[in-house]
Amino acid sequence: MDNQIQQIMHKPLFYNRKNVYLSDEDDRAIDIELCPRCNNVRLVYDCPVEGCQQKGHTGQLCRACTLCIARCVVCGRCINDGEYEETFSLELLCSDCWRLQVKS
């Protein structure tokens, strides 16, 4: 048996204002973990953008809590480097989700 800590792979957890609770389909015992950016125990979210999900890609840096990385409340993508809109209720929307809401 190795003395190294083995990292358990879980299903990605994406931020969404409709998904407040942890999915029943996940095998996590607890919904919080250590944020890789701030090292505080919080809900840590993955980024749904395909480029950010590739292993070994610098996009793994966008896996963090919502205090470290701003996320779109509709799709959950990281919006630090992209265009976004702030709603009246102080929620952040990426430009794609903003356009969809304006059309409706």
PDB file of N, CA and C in Angstrom:
ATOM      1  N   MET A   1       0.840  -1.174   0.000  1.00  0.00           N
ATOM      2  CA  MET A   1       0.000   0.000   0.000  1.00  0.00           C
ATOM      3  C   MET A   1       0.889   1.243   0.000  1.00  0.00           C
ATOM      4  N   ASP A   2       0.592   2.178  -0.864  1.00  0.00           N
ATOM      5  CA  ASP A   2       1.362   3.418  -0.942  1.00  0.00           C
ATOM      6  C   ASP A   2       1.066   4.318   0.242  1.00  0.00           C
ATOM      7  N   ASN A   3       2.063   5.091   0.619  1.00  0.00           N
ATOM      8  CA  ASN A   3       1.868   6.073   1.678  1.00  0.00           C
ATOM      9  C   ASN A   3       1.299   7.379   1.137  1.00  0.00           C
ATOM     10  N   GLN A   4       1.189   7.466  -0.188  1.00  0.00           N
ATOM     11  CA  GLN A   4       0.656   8.679  -0.804  1.00  0.00           C
ATOM     12  C   GLN A   4      -0.858   8.710  -0.665  1.00  0.00           C
ATOM     13  N   ILE A   5      -1.386   9.915  -0.567  1.00  0.00           N
ATOM     14  CA  ILE A   5      -2.835  10.090  -0.491  1.00  0.00           C
ATOM     15  C   ILE A   5      -3.407   9.941  -1.894  1.00  0.00           C
ATOM     16  N   GLN A   6      -4.389   9.086  -2.029  1.00  0.00           N
ATOM     17  CA  GLN A   6      -5.029   8.893  -3.322  1.00  0.00           C
ATOM     18  C   GLN A   6      -6.212   9.832  -3.430  1.00  0.00           C
ATOM     19  N   GLN A   7      -6.273  10.529  -4.567  1.00  0.00           N
ATOM     20  CA  GLN A   7      -7.366  11.460  -4.783  1.00  0.00           C
ATOM     21  C   GLN A   7      -8.531  10.713  -5.415  1.00  0.00           C
ATOM     22  N   ILE A   8      -9.688  10.811  -4.791  1.00  0.00           N
ATOM     23  CA  ILE A   8     -10.881  10.151  -5.299  1.00  0.00           C
ATOM     24  C   ILE A   8     -11.511  11.039  -6.359  1.00  0.00           C
ATOM     25  N   MET A   9     -11.824  10.458  -7.500  1.00  0.00           N
ATOM     26  CA  MET A   9     -12.430  11.213  -8.589  1.00  0.00           C
ATOM     27  C   MET A   9     -13.942  11.223  -8.410  1.00  0.00           C
ATOM     28  N   HIS A  10     -14.506  12.398  -8.346  1.00  0.00           N
ATOM     29  CA  HIS A  10     -15.947  12.570  -8.228  1.00  0.00           C
ATOM     30  C   HIS A  10     -16.481  13.184  -9.511  1.00  0.00           C
ATOM     31  N   LYS A  11     -17.789  13.102  -9.666  1.00  0.00           N
ATOM     32  CA  LYS A  11     -18.421  13.782 -10.787  1.00  0.00           C
ATOM     33  C   LYS A  11     -18.200  15.276 -10.611  1.00  0.00           C
ATOM     34  N   PRO A  12     -17.989  16.010 -11.707  1.00  0.00           N
ATOM     35  CA  PRO A  12     -17.808  17.460 -11.581  1.00  0.00           C
ATOM     36  C   PRO A  12     -19.044  18.113 -10.965  1.00  0.00           C
ATOM     37  N   LEU A  13     -18.817  19.122 -10.167  1.00  0.00           N
ATOM     38  CA  LEU A  13     -19.893  19.871  -9.529  1.00  0.00           C
ATOM     39  C   LEU A  13     -19.927  21.254 -10.163  1.00  0.00           C
ATOM     40  N   PHE A  14     -21.031  21.579 -10.846  1.00  0.00           N
ATOM     41  CA  PHE A  14     -21.153  22.849 -11.549  1.00  0.00           C
ATOM     42  C   PHE A  14     -22.063  23.801 -10.789  1.00  0.00           C
ATOM     43  N   TYR A  15     -21.668  25.060 -10.746  1.00  0.00           N
ATOM     44  CA  TYR A  15     -22.436  26.088 -10.058  1.00  0.00           C
ATOM     45  C   TYR A  15     -23.672  26.441 -10.876  1.00  0.00           C
ATOM     46  N   ASN A  16     -24.806  26.557 -10.202  1.00  0.00           N
ATOM     47  CA  ASN A  16     -26.055  26.933 -10.850  1.00  0.00           C
ATOM     48  C   ASN A  16     -27.009  27.376  -9.760  1.00  0.00           C
ATOM     49  N   ARG A  17     -27.673  28.486  -9.958  1.00  0.00           N
ATOM     50  CA  ARG A  17     -28.574  28.980  -8.906  1.00  0.00           C
ATOM     51  C   ARG A  17     -29.741  28.043  -8.653  1.00  0.00           C
ATOM     52  N   LYS A  18     -30.038  27.144  -9.582  1.00  0.00           N
ATOM     53  CA  LYS A  18     -31.124  26.181  -9.393  1.00  0.00           C
ATOM     54  C   LYS A  18     -30.664  24.942  -8.632  1.00  0.00           C
ATOM     55  N   ASN A  19     -29.377  24.650  -8.663  1.00  0.00           N
ATOM     56  CA  ASN A  19     -28.819  23.479  -7.968  1.00  0.00           C
ATOM     57  C   ASN A  19     -28.145  23.924  -6.681  1.00  0.00           C
ATOM     58  N   VAL A  20     -28.907  24.058  -5.642  1.00  0.00           N
ATOM     59  CA  VAL A  20     -28.362  24.498  -4.363  1.00  0.00           C
ATOM     60  C   VAL A  20     -27.793  23.317  -3.588  1.00  0.00           C
ATOM     61  N   TYR A  21     -28.361  22.147  -3.791  1.00  0.00           N
ATOM     62  CA  TYR A  21     -27.959  20.972  -3.023  1.00  0.00           C
ATOM     63  C   TYR A  21     -27.130  20.026  -3.868  1.00  0.00           C
ATOM     64  N   LEU A  22     -26.365  19.195  -3.196  1.00  0.00           N
ATOM     65  CA  LEU A  22     -25.545  18.183  -3.839  1.00  0.00           C
ATOM     66  C   LEU A  22     -26.432  17.114  -4.464  1.00  0.00           C
ATOM     67  N   SER A  23     -26.053  16.637  -5.616  1.00  0.00           N
ATOM     68  CA  SER A  23     -26.821  15.624  -6.331  1.00  0.00           C
ATOM     69  C   SER A  23     -26.793  14.288  -5.592  1.00  0.00           C
ATOM     70  N   ASP A  24     -27.903  13.572  -5.650  1.00  0.00           N
ATOM     71  CA  ASP A  24     -27.971  12.230  -5.065  1.00  0.00           C
ATOM     72  C   ASP A  24     -27.140  11.231  -5.859  1.00  0.00           C
ATOM     73  N   GLU A  25     -26.811  11.566  -7.109  1.00  0.00           N
ATOM     74  CA  GLU A  25     -26.068  10.660  -7.979  1.00  0.00           C
ATOM     75  C   GLU A  25     -24.574  10.652  -7.667  1.00  0.00           C
ATOM     76  N   ASP A  26     -24.118  11.573  -6.857  1.00  0.00           N
ATOM     77  CA  ASP A  26     -22.704  11.660  -6.515  1.00  0.00           C
ATOM     78  C   ASP A  26     -22.426  10.840  -5.257  1.00  0.00           C
ATOM     79  N   ASP A  27     -21.223  10.304  -5.151  1.00  0.00           N
ATOM     80  CA  ASP A  27     -20.881   9.467  -4.007  1.00  0.00           C
ATOM     81  C   ASP A  27     -20.098  10.224  -2.934  1.00  0.00           C
ATOM     82  N   ARG A  28     -20.146  11.544  -2.973  1.00  0.00           N
ATOM     83  CA  ARG A  28     -19.440  12.338  -1.967  1.00  0.00           C
ATOM     84  C   ARG A  28     -20.113  12.186  -0.608  1.00  0.00           C
ATOM     85  N   ALA A  29     -19.315  12.055   0.411  1.00  0.00           N
ATOM     86  CA  ALA A  29     -19.850  11.948   1.767  1.00  0.00           C
ATOM     87  C   ALA A  29     -20.227  13.321   2.308  1.00  0.00           C
ATOM     88  N   ILE A  30     -19.555  14.348   1.822  1.00  0.00           N
ATOM     89  CA  ILE A  30     -19.802  15.715   2.288  1.00  0.00           C
ATOM     90  C   ILE A  30     -19.657  16.651   1.089  1.00  0.00           C
ATOM     91  N   ASP A  31     -20.405  17.740   1.085  1.00  0.00           N
ATOM     92  CA  ASP A  31     -20.426  18.601  -0.092  1.00  0.00           C
ATOM     93  C   ASP A  31     -19.388  19.715  -0.074  1.00  0.00           C
ATOM     94  N   ILE A  32     -18.621  19.842   0.980  1.00  0.00           N
ATOM     95  CA  ILE A  32     -17.589  20.871   1.026  1.00  0.00           C
ATOM     96  C   ILE A  32     -16.215  20.225   0.943  1.00  0.00           C
ATOM     97  N   GLU A  33     -15.250  21.011   0.488  1.00  0.00           N
ATOM     98  CA  GLU A  33     -13.876  20.543   0.406  1.00  0.00           C
ATOM     99  C   GLU A  33     -12.944  21.742   0.477  1.00  0.00           C
ATOM    100  N   LEU A  34     -11.674  21.498   0.452  1.00  0.00           N
ATOM    101  CA  LEU A  34     -10.686  22.555   0.532  1.00  0.00           C
ATOM    102  C   LEU A  34     -10.563  23.234  -0.825  1.00  0.00           C
ATOM    103  N   CYS A  35     -10.808  24.538  -0.869  1.00  0.00           N
ATOM    104  CA  CYS A  35     -10.691  25.287  -2.123  1.00  0.00           C
ATOM    105  C   CYS A  35      -9.218  25.331  -2.522  1.00  0.00           C
ATOM    106  N   PRO A  36      -8.896  24.971  -3.775  1.00  0.00           N
ATOM    107  CA  PRO A  36      -7.494  24.968  -4.202  1.00  0.00           C
ATOM    108  C   PRO A  36      -6.871  26.364  -4.275  1.00  0.00           C
ATOM    109  N   ARG A  37      -7.682  27.395  -4.301  1.00  0.00           N
ATOM    110  CA  ARG A  37      -7.141  28.759  -4.381  1.00  0.00           C
ATOM    111  C   ARG A  37      -6.933  29.401  -3.015  1.00  0.00           C
ATOM    112  N   CYS A  38      -7.972  29.418  -2.193  1.00  0.00           N
ATOM    113  CA  CYS A  38      -7.891  30.132  -0.910  1.00  0.00           C
ATOM    114  C   CYS A  38      -7.607  29.205   0.274  1.00  0.00           C
ATOM    115  N   ASN A  39      -7.650  27.892   0.036  1.00  0.00           N
ATOM    116  CA  ASN A  39      -7.415  26.883   1.079  1.00  0.00           C
ATOM    117  C   ASN A  39      -8.396  26.963   2.240  1.00  0.00           C
ATOM    118  N   ASN A  40      -9.593  27.457   1.973  1.00  0.00           N
ATOM    119  CA  ASN A  40     -10.665  27.454   2.966  1.00  0.00           C
ATOM    120  C   ASN A  40     -11.652  26.348   2.623  1.00  0.00           C
ATOM    121  N   VAL A  41     -12.338  25.847   3.620  1.00  0.00           N
ATOM    122  CA  VAL A  41     -13.318  24.788   3.403  1.00  0.00           C
ATOM    123  C   VAL A  41     -14.615  25.433   2.916  1.00  0.00           C
ATOM    124  N   ARG A  42     -14.987  25.120   1.675  1.00  0.00           N
ATOM    125  CA  ARG A  42     -16.169  25.709   1.046  1.00  0.00           C
ATOM    126  C   ARG A  42     -16.714  24.738  -0.008  1.00  0.00           C
ATOM    127  N   LEU A  43     -17.844  25.123  -0.615  1.00  0.00           N
ATOM    128  CA  LEU A  43     -18.321  24.415  -1.795  1.00  0.00           C
ATOM    129  C   LEU A  43     -17.381  24.772  -2.941  1.00  0.00           C
ATOM    130  N   VAL A  44     -16.814  23.782  -3.590  1.00  0.00           N
ATOM    131  CA  VAL A  44     -15.872  24.006  -4.685  1.00  0.00           C
ATOM    132  C   VAL A  44     -16.529  23.535  -5.972  1.00  0.00           C
ATOM    133  N   TYR A  45     -16.521  24.406  -6.974  1.00  0.00           N
ATOM    134  CA  TYR A  45     -17.192  24.109  -8.239  1.00  0.00           C
ATOM    135  C   TYR A  45     -16.187  23.940  -9.368  1.00  0.00           C
ATOM    136  N   ASP A  46     -16.566  23.088 -10.324  1.00  0.00           N
ATOM    137  CA  ASP A  46     -15.800  22.903 -11.546  1.00  0.00           C
ATOM    138  C   ASP A  46     -16.365  23.836 -12.603  1.00  0.00           C
ATOM    139  N   CYS A  47     -15.629  24.017 -13.680  1.00  0.00           N
ATOM    140  CA  CYS A  47     -16.084  24.873 -14.768  1.00  0.00           C
ATOM    141  C   CYS A  47     -16.653  23.998 -15.884  1.00  0.00           C
ATOM    142  N   PRO A  48     -17.851  24.307 -16.398  1.00  0.00           N
ATOM    143  CA  PRO A  48     -18.437  23.495 -17.460  1.00  0.00           C
ATOM    144  C   PRO A  48     -17.842  23.749 -18.847  1.00  0.00           C
ATOM    145  N   VAL A  49     -16.966  24.729 -18.985  1.00  0.00           N
ATOM    146  CA  VAL A  49     -16.342  25.015 -20.274  1.00  0.00           C
ATOM    147  C   VAL A  49     -15.391  23.870 -20.609  1.00  0.00           C
ATOM    148  N   GLU A  50     -15.507  23.315 -21.814  1.00  0.00           N
ATOM    149  CA  GLU A  50     -14.726  22.129 -22.185  1.00  0.00           C
ATOM    150  C   GLU A  50     -13.226  22.322 -22.016  1.00  0.00           C
ATOM    151  N   GLY A  51     -12.702  23.463 -22.388  1.00  0.00           N
ATOM    152  CA  GLY A  51     -11.272  23.722 -22.271  1.00  0.00           C
ATOM    153  C   GLY A  51     -10.784  23.710 -20.837  1.00  0.00           C
ATOM    154  N   CYS A  52     -11.664  24.009 -19.912  1.00  0.00           N
ATOM    155  CA  CYS A  52     -11.292  24.035 -18.497  1.00  0.00           C
ATOM    156  C   CYS A  52     -11.340  22.650 -17.864  1.00  0.00           C
ATOM    157  N   GLN A  53     -11.951  21.684 -18.515  1.00  0.00           N
ATOM    158  CA  GLN A  53     -12.103  20.348 -17.942  1.00  0.00           C
ATOM    159  C   GLN A  53     -10.965  19.411 -18.309  1.00  0.00           C
ATOM    160  N   GLN A  54     -10.101  19.808 -19.225  1.00  0.00           N
ATOM    161  CA  GLN A  54      -9.028  18.929 -19.664  1.00  0.00           C
ATOM    162  C   GLN A  54      -7.997  18.763 -18.558  1.00  0.00           C
ATOM    163  N   LYS A  55      -7.624  17.522 -18.299  1.00  0.00           N
ATOM    164  CA  LYS A  55      -6.630  17.248 -17.257  1.00  0.00           C
ATOM    165  C   LYS A  55      -5.279  17.819 -17.684  1.00  0.00           C
ATOM    166  N   GLY A  56      -4.584  18.361 -16.736  1.00  0.00           N
ATOM    167  CA  GLY A  56      -3.270  18.921 -17.020  1.00  0.00           C
ATOM    168  C   GLY A  56      -3.336  20.287 -17.670  1.00  0.00           C
ATOM    169  N   HIS A  57      -4.518  20.777 -17.960  1.00  0.00           N
ATOM    170  CA  HIS A  57      -4.704  22.085 -18.584  1.00  0.00           C
ATOM    171  C   HIS A  57      -4.718  23.146 -17.494  1.00  0.00           C
ATOM    172  N   THR A  58      -4.239  24.317 -17.809  1.00  0.00           N
ATOM    173  CA  THR A  58      -4.231  25.391 -16.818  1.00  0.00           C
ATOM    174  C   THR A  58      -5.639  25.776 -16.412  1.00  0.00           C
ATOM    175  N   GLY A  59      -6.629  25.316 -17.135  1.00  0.00           N
ATOM    176  CA  GLY A  59      -8.016  25.588 -16.792  1.00  0.00           C
ATOM    177  C   GLY A  59      -8.430  24.977 -15.471  1.00  0.00           C
ATOM    178  N   GLN A  60      -7.668  23.996 -14.983  1.00  0.00           N
ATOM    179  CA  GLN A  60      -7.959  23.451 -13.660  1.00  0.00           C
ATOM    180  C   GLN A  60      -7.865  24.550 -12.613  1.00  0.00           C
ATOM    181  N   LEU A  61      -7.225  25.640 -12.960  1.00  0.00           N
ATOM    182  CA  LEU A  61      -7.131  26.765 -12.035  1.00  0.00           C
ATOM    183  C   LEU A  61      -8.482  27.428 -11.826  1.00  0.00           C
ATOM    184  N   CYS A  62      -9.445  27.154 -12.694  1.00  0.00           N
ATOM    185  CA  CYS A  62     -10.771  27.759 -12.516  1.00  0.00           C
ATOM    186  C   CYS A  62     -11.673  26.851 -11.689  1.00  0.00           C
ATOM    187  N   ARG A  63     -11.116  25.865 -11.036  1.00  0.00           N
ATOM    188  CA  ARG A  63     -11.858  25.033 -10.083  1.00  0.00           C
ATOM    189  C   ARG A  63     -11.636  25.634  -8.703  1.00  0.00           C
ATOM    190  N   ALA A  64     -12.698  26.252  -8.177  1.00  0.00           N
ATOM    191  CA  ALA A  64     -12.562  26.941  -6.893  1.00  0.00           C
ATOM    192  C   ALA A  64     -13.936  27.288  -6.341  1.00  0.00           C
ATOM    193  N   CYS A  65     -13.930  27.922  -5.184  1.00  0.00           N
ATOM    194  CA  CYS A  65     -15.187  28.377  -4.578  1.00  0.00           C
ATOM    195  C   CYS A  65     -15.663  29.650  -5.279  1.00  0.00           C
ATOM    196  N   THR A  66     -16.876  30.052  -5.005  1.00  0.00           N
ATOM    197  CA  THR A  66     -17.438  31.234  -5.674  1.00  0.00           C
ATOM    198  C   THR A  66     -16.860  32.542  -5.140  1.00  0.00           C
ATOM    199  N   LEU A  67     -16.187  32.521  -4.019  1.00  0.00           N
ATOM    200  CA  LEU A  67     -15.518  33.730  -3.546  1.00  0.00           C
ATOM    201  C   LEU A  67     -14.213  33.970  -4.300  1.00  0.00           C
ATOM    202  N   CYS A  68     -13.578  32.909  -4.769  1.00  0.00           N
ATOM    203  CA  CYS A  68     -12.323  33.032  -5.509  1.00  0.00           C
ATOM    204  C   CYS A  68     -12.557  33.282  -6.996  1.00  0.00           C
ATOM    205  N   ILE A  69     -13.603  32.686  -7.549  1.00  0.00           N
ATOM    206  CA  ILE A  69     -13.892  32.823  -8.979  1.00  0.00           C
ATOM    207  C   ILE A  69     -15.351  33.185  -9.163  1.00  0.00           C
ATOM    208  N   ALA A  70     -15.590  34.283  -9.857  1.00  0.00           N
ATOM    209  CA  ALA A  70     -16.961  34.678 -10.179  1.00  0.00           C
ATOM    210  C   ALA A  70     -17.510  33.715 -11.226  1.00  0.00           C
ATOM    211  N   ARG A  71     -18.769  33.313 -11.060  1.00  0.00           N
ATOM    212  CA  ARG A  71     -19.390  32.359 -11.979  1.00  0.00           C
ATOM    213  C   ARG A  71     -20.752  32.857 -12.424  1.00  0.00           C
ATOM    214  N   CYS A  72     -21.122  32.476 -13.635  1.00  0.00           N
ATOM    215  CA  CYS A  72     -22.444  32.788 -14.167  1.00  0.00           C
ATOM    216  C   CYS A  72     -23.483  31.993 -13.377  1.00  0.00           C
ATOM    217  N   VAL A  73     -24.559  32.655 -12.945  1.00  0.00           N
ATOM    218  CA  VAL A  73     -25.574  31.976 -12.134  1.00  0.00           C
ATOM    219  C   VAL A  73     -26.443  31.039 -12.962  1.00  0.00           C
ATOM    220  N   VAL A  74     -26.405  31.162 -14.285  1.00  0.00           N
ATOM    221  CA  VAL A  74     -27.225  30.303 -15.142  1.00  0.00           C
ATOM    222  C   VAL A  74     -26.453  29.069 -15.589  1.00  0.00           C
ATOM    223  N   CYS A  75     -25.275  29.258 -16.182  1.00  0.00           N
ATOM    224  CA  CYS A  75     -24.532  28.119 -16.737  1.00  0.00           C
ATOM    225  C   CYS A  75     -23.357  27.673 -15.866  1.00  0.00           C
ATOM    226  N   GLY A  76     -22.895  28.503 -14.944  1.00  0.00           N
ATOM    227  CA  GLY A  76     -21.825  28.122 -14.031  1.00  0.00           C
ATOM    228  C   GLY A  76     -20.414  28.326 -14.533  1.00  0.00           C
ATOM    229  N   ARG A  77     -20.251  28.870 -15.719  1.00  0.00           N
ATOM    230  CA  ARG A  77     -18.904  29.056 -16.269  1.00  0.00           C
ATOM    231  C   ARG A  77     -18.154  30.143 -15.520  1.00  0.00           C
ATOM    232  N   CYS A  78     -16.836  30.042 -15.534  1.00  0.00           N
ATOM    233  CA  CYS A  78     -16.023  31.092 -14.921  1.00  0.00           C
ATOM    234  C   CYS A  78     -16.062  32.310 -15.842  1.00  0.00           C
ATOM    235  N   ILE A  79     -16.209  33.473 -15.260  1.00  0.00           N
ATOM    236  CA  ILE A  79     -16.346  34.677 -16.090  1.00  0.00           C
ATOM    237  C   ILE A  79     -15.271  35.709 -15.783  1.00  0.00           C
ATOM    238  N   ASN A  80     -14.185  35.297 -15.189  1.00  0.00           N
ATOM    239  CA  ASN A  80     -13.116  36.240 -14.850  1.00  0.00           C
ATOM    240  C   ASN A  80     -12.529  36.920 -16.078  1.00  0.00           C
ATOM    241  N   ASP A  81     -12.356  36.183 -17.158  1.00  0.00           N
ATOM    242  CA  ASP A  81     -11.720  36.749 -18.344  1.00  0.00           C
ATOM    243  C   ASP A  81     -12.710  37.098 -19.447  1.00  0.00           C
ATOM    244  N   GLY A  82     -13.982  36.865 -19.227  1.00  0.00           N
ATOM    245  CA  GLY A  82     -14.968  37.120 -20.271  1.00  0.00           C
ATOM    246  C   GLY A  82     -15.883  38.275 -19.934  1.00  0.00           C
ATOM    247  N   GLU A  83     -16.711  38.611 -20.903  1.00  0.00           N
ATOM    248  CA  GLU A  83     -17.692  39.665 -20.687  1.00  0.00           C
ATOM    249  C   GLU A  83     -18.839  39.117 -19.854  1.00  0.00           C
ATOM    250  N   TYR A  84     -19.382  39.958 -19.005  1.00  0.00           N
ATOM    251  CA  TYR A  84     -20.513  39.550 -18.175  1.00  0.00           C
ATOM    252  C   TYR A  84     -21.364  40.760 -17.837  1.00  0.00           C
ATOM    253  N   GLU A  85     -22.553  40.492 -17.361  1.00  0.00           N
ATOM    254  CA  GLU A  85     -23.486  41.529 -16.914  1.00  0.00           C
ATOM    255  C   GLU A  85     -23.849  41.252 -15.466  1.00  0.00           C
ATOM    256  N   GLU A  86     -24.030  42.301 -14.705  1.00  0.00           N
ATOM    257  CA  GLU A  86     -24.484  42.167 -13.328  1.00  0.00           C
ATOM    258  C   GLU A  86     -25.947  42.595 -13.275  1.00  0.00           C
ATOM    259  N   THR A  87     -26.792  41.724 -12.756  1.00  0.00           N
ATOM    260  CA  THR A  87     -28.222  42.010 -12.710  1.00  0.00           C
ATOM    261  C   THR A  87     -28.547  42.929 -11.532  1.00  0.00           C
ATOM    262  N   PHE A  88     -29.787  43.376 -11.488  1.00  0.00           N
ATOM    263  CA  PHE A  88     -30.247  44.236 -10.403  1.00  0.00           C
ATOM    264  C   PHE A  88     -30.090  43.554  -9.048  1.00  0.00           C
ATOM    265  N   SER A  89     -30.244  42.235  -9.028  1.00  0.00           N
ATOM    266  CA  SER A  89     -30.106  41.481  -7.774  1.00  0.00           C
ATOM    267  C   SER A  89     -28.660  41.043  -7.513  1.00  0.00           C
ATOM    268  N   LEU A  90     -27.706  41.670  -8.223  1.00  0.00           N
ATOM    269  CA  LEU A  90     -26.263  41.443  -8.058  1.00  0.00           C
ATOM    270  C   LEU A  90     -25.809  40.048  -8.455  1.00  0.00           C
ATOM    271  N   GLU A  91     -26.567  39.385  -9.311  1.00  0.00           N
ATOM    272  CA  GLU A  91     -26.137  38.100  -9.867  1.00  0.00           C
ATOM    273  C   GLU A  91     -25.328  38.380 -11.126  1.00  0.00           C
ATOM    274  N   LEU A  92     -24.386  37.500 -11.421  1.00  0.00           N
ATOM    275  CA  LEU A  92     -23.548  37.659 -12.599  1.00  0.00           C
ATOM    276  C   LEU A  92     -24.011  36.713 -13.695  1.00  0.00           C
ATOM    277  N   LEU A  93     -24.103  37.233 -14.915  1.00  0.00           N
ATOM    278  CA  LEU A  93     -24.472  36.433 -16.083  1.00  0.00           C
ATOM    279  C   LEU A  93     -23.381  36.574 -17.130  1.00  0.00           C
ATOM    280  N   CYS A  94     -22.932  35.449 -17.709  1.00  0.00           N
ATOM    281  CA  CYS A  94     -21.972  35.526 -18.804  1.00  0.00           C
ATOM    282  C   CYS A  94     -22.675  36.147 -20.011  1.00  0.00           C
ATOM    283  N   SER A  95     -21.917  36.590 -20.980  1.00  0.00           N
ATOM    284  CA  SER A  95     -22.514  37.279 -22.129  1.00  0.00           C
ATOM    285  C   SER A  95     -23.478  36.382 -22.902  1.00  0.00           C
ATOM    286  N   ASP A  96     -23.194  35.084 -23.000  1.00  0.00           N
ATOM    287  CA  ASP A  96     -24.096  34.172 -23.718  1.00  0.00           C
ATOM    288  C   ASP A  96     -25.444  34.056 -23.013  1.00  0.00           C
ATOM    289  N   CYS A  97     -25.432  33.867 -21.713  1.00  0.00           N
ATOM    290  CA  CYS A  97     -26.685  33.740 -20.955  1.00  0.00           C
ATOM    291  C   CYS A  97     -27.437  35.067 -20.914  1.00  0.00           C
ATOM    292  N   TRP A  98     -26.714  36.172 -20.890  1.00  0.00           N
ATOM    293  CA  TRP A  98     -27.354  37.491 -20.901  1.00  0.00           C
ATOM    294  C   TRP A  98     -28.128  37.684 -22.209  1.00  0.00           C
ATOM    295  N   ARG A  99     -27.498  37.314 -23.330  1.00  0.00           N
ATOM    296  CA  ARG A  99     -28.171  37.452 -24.638  1.00  0.00           C
ATOM    297  C   ARG A  99     -29.429  36.595 -24.703  1.00  0.00           C
ATOM    298  N   LEU A 100     -29.371  35.386 -24.152  1.00  0.00           N
ATOM    299  CA  LEU A 100     -30.550  34.517 -24.152  1.00  0.00           C
ATOM    300  C   LEU A 100     -31.680  35.116 -23.321  1.00  0.00           C
ATOM    301  N   GLN A 101     -31.362  35.744 -22.216  1.00  0.00           N
ATOM    302  CA  GLN A 101     -32.399  36.338 -21.370  1.00  0.00           C
ATOM    303  C   GLN A 101     -32.980  37.594 -21.996  1.00  0.00           C
ATOM    304  N   VAL A 102     -32.166  38.343 -22.723  1.00  0.00           N
ATOM    305  CA  VAL A 102     -32.658  39.556 -23.379  1.00  0.00           C
ATOM    306  C   VAL A 102     -33.626  39.194 -24.494  1.00  0.00           C
ATOM    307  N   LYS A 103     -33.364  38.084 -25.200  1.00  0.00           N
ATOM    308  CA  LYS A 103     -34.241  37.646 -26.297  1.00  0.00           C
ATOM    309  C   LYS A 103     -35.589  37.161 -25.797  1.00  0.00           C
ATOM    310  N   SER A 104     -35.663  36.627 -24.573  1.00  0.00           N
ATOM    311  CA  SER A 104     -36.927  36.077 -24.094  1.00  0.00           C
ATOM    312  C   SER A 104     -37.883  37.110 -23.612  1.00  0.00           C
TER     313      SER A 104
END
